[in-house]
């Protein structure tokens, strides 16, 4: 079995299409990295939003209990 490329220069040149091949590889990797970063950012934002909503609901329930225990009318 013979290797497809005999040197690193031939490998990088890709038979004259190296610019297009490596540009497409770079763009594909860049898009995937952006997607991973954006997904992580959205996850973080979602967790913050959930925690904020839970805290708000907890404060509302505490206030309702306090009102009920003191006998105040709504």
C-alpha atoms as a PDB file:
ATOM      1  CA  UNK A   1       0.000   0.000   0.000  1.00  0.00           C
ATOM      2  CA  UNK A   2       1.492   3.331  -1.046  1.00  0.00           C
ATOM      3  CA  UNK A   3       0.777   6.580   0.720  1.00  0.00           C
ATOM      4  CA  UNK A   4      -1.505   9.085  -1.021  1.00  0.00           C
ATOM      5  CA  UNK A   5       0.915  11.956  -0.346  1.00  0.00           C
ATOM      6  CA  UNK A   6       4.701  11.715  -0.441  1.00  0.00           C
ATOM      7  CA  UNK A   7       5.361  14.867   1.579  1.00  0.00           C
ATOM      8  CA  UNK A   8       3.686  17.330   3.886  1.00  0.00           C
ATOM      9  CA  UNK A   9       3.743  19.962   1.139  1.00  0.00           C
ATOM     10  CA  UNK A  10       1.740  17.667  -1.131  1.00  0.00           C
ATOM     11  CA  UNK A  11      -0.653  16.930   1.699  1.00  0.00           C
ATOM     12  CA  UNK A  12      -1.231  20.625   2.362  1.00  0.00           C
ATOM     13  CA  UNK A  13      -1.557  21.416  -1.356  1.00  0.00           C
ATOM     14  CA  UNK A  14      -4.184  18.665  -1.815  1.00  0.00           C
ATOM     15  CA  UNK A  15      -3.478  18.323  -5.513  1.00  0.00           C
ATOM     16  CA  UNK A  16      -3.903  22.053  -6.140  1.00  0.00           C
ATOM     17  CA  UNK A  17      -7.143  22.343  -4.166  1.00  0.00           C
ATOM     18  CA  UNK A  18      -5.551  22.889  -0.760  1.00  0.00           C
ATOM     19  CA  UNK A  19      -6.850  26.433  -0.326  1.00  0.00           C
ATOM     20  CA  UNK A  20     -10.465  25.330  -0.809  1.00  0.00           C
ATOM     21  CA  UNK A  21     -10.081  22.139   1.228  1.00  0.00           C
ATOM     22  CA  UNK A  22      -8.447  23.827   4.217  1.00  0.00           C
ATOM     23  CA  UNK A  23     -10.769  26.824   4.027  1.00  0.00           C
ATOM     24  CA  UNK A  24     -13.795  24.531   4.161  1.00  0.00           C
ATOM     25  CA  UNK A  25     -12.275  22.572   7.071  1.00  0.00           C
ATOM     26  CA  UNK A  26     -11.598  25.827   8.932  1.00  0.00           C
ATOM     27  CA  UNK A  27     -15.120  27.176   8.298  1.00  0.00           C
ATOM     28  CA  UNK A  28     -16.724  23.884   9.388  1.00  0.00           C
ATOM     29  CA  UNK A  29     -14.696  23.818  12.623  1.00  0.00           C
ATOM     30  CA  UNK A  30     -15.452  27.478  13.278  1.00  0.00           C
ATOM     31  CA  UNK A  31     -19.188  26.919  12.842  1.00  0.00           C
ATOM     32  CA  UNK A  32     -19.109  23.911  15.171  1.00  0.00           C
ATOM     33  CA  UNK A  33     -17.179  25.872  17.821  1.00  0.00           C
ATOM     34  CA  UNK A  34     -19.656  28.745  17.577  1.00  0.00           C
ATOM     35  CA  UNK A  35     -22.544  26.287  17.912  1.00  0.00           C
ATOM     36  CA  UNK A  36     -21.015  24.685  21.020  1.00  0.00           C
ATOM     37  CA  UNK A  37     -20.303  28.104  22.557  1.00  0.00           C
ATOM     38  CA  UNK A  38     -23.779  29.415  21.808  1.00  0.00           C
ATOM     39  CA  UNK A  39     -25.393  26.263  23.220  1.00  0.00           C
ATOM     40  CA  UNK A  40     -23.372  26.612  26.430  1.00  0.00           C
ATOM     41  CA  UNK A  41     -24.376  30.289  26.678  1.00  0.00           C
ATOM     42  CA  UNK A  42     -28.066  29.455  26.168  1.00  0.00           C
ATOM     43  CA  UNK A  43     -27.882  26.685  28.776  1.00  0.00           C
ATOM     44  CA  UNK A  44     -26.343  29.069  31.301  1.00  0.00           C
ATOM     45  CA  UNK A  45     -29.013  31.697  30.583  1.00  0.00           C
ATOM     46  CA  UNK A  46     -31.786  29.109  30.894  1.00  0.00           C
ATOM     47  CA  UNK A  47     -30.480  27.907  34.259  1.00  0.00           C
ATOM     48  CA  UNK A  48     -30.316  31.495  35.524  1.00  0.00           C
ATOM     49  CA  UNK A  49     -33.873  32.128  34.325  1.00  0.00           C
ATOM     50  CA  UNK A  50     -35.126  28.951  36.028  1.00  0.00           C
ATOM     51  CA  UNK A  51     -33.378  29.845  39.294  1.00  0.00           C
ATOM     52  CA  UNK A  52     -34.838  33.364  39.161  1.00  0.00           C
ATOM     53  CA  UNK A  53     -38.345  32.018  38.565  1.00  0.00           C
ATOM     54  CA  UNK A  54     -38.001  29.499  41.405  1.00  0.00           C
ATOM     55  CA  UNK A  55     -36.809  32.233  43.777  1.00  0.00           C
ATOM     56  CA  UNK A  56     -39.751  34.437  42.796  1.00  0.00           C
ATOM     57  CA  UNK A  57     -42.247  31.610  43.317  1.00  0.00           C
ATOM     58  CA  UNK A  58     -40.675  30.834  46.693  1.00  0.00           C
ATOM     59  CA  UNK A  59     -41.000  34.491  47.770  1.00  0.00           C
ATOM     60  CA  UNK A  60     -44.639  34.561  46.635  1.00  0.00           C
ATOM     61  CA  UNK A  61     -45.466  31.376  48.568  1.00  0.00           C
ATOM     62  CA  UNK A  62     -43.711  32.730  51.679  1.00  0.00           C
ATOM     63  CA  UNK A  63     -45.673  35.963  51.443  1.00  0.00           C
ATOM     64  CA  UNK A  64     -48.974  34.037  51.042  1.00  0.00           C
ATOM     65  CA  UNK A  65     -48.191  31.882  54.080  1.00  0.00           C
ATOM     66  CA  UNK A  66     -47.289  34.951  56.104  1.00  0.00           C
ATOM     67  CA  UNK A  67     -50.576  36.613  55.117  1.00  0.00           C
ATOM     68  CA  UNK A  68     -52.559  33.507  56.039  1.00  0.00           C
ATOM     69  CA  UNK A  69     -50.855  33.122  59.393  1.00  0.00           C
ATOM     70  CA  UNK A  70     -51.530  36.741  60.358  1.00  0.00           C
ATOM     71  CA  UNK A  71     -55.153  36.501  59.259  1.00  0.00           C
ATOM     72  CA  UNK A  72     -54.991  39.253  56.643  1.00  0.00           C
ATOM     73  CA  UNK A  73     -57.484  39.217  53.830  1.00  0.00           C
ATOM     74  CA  UNK A  74     -56.173  39.301  50.251  1.00  0.00           C
END
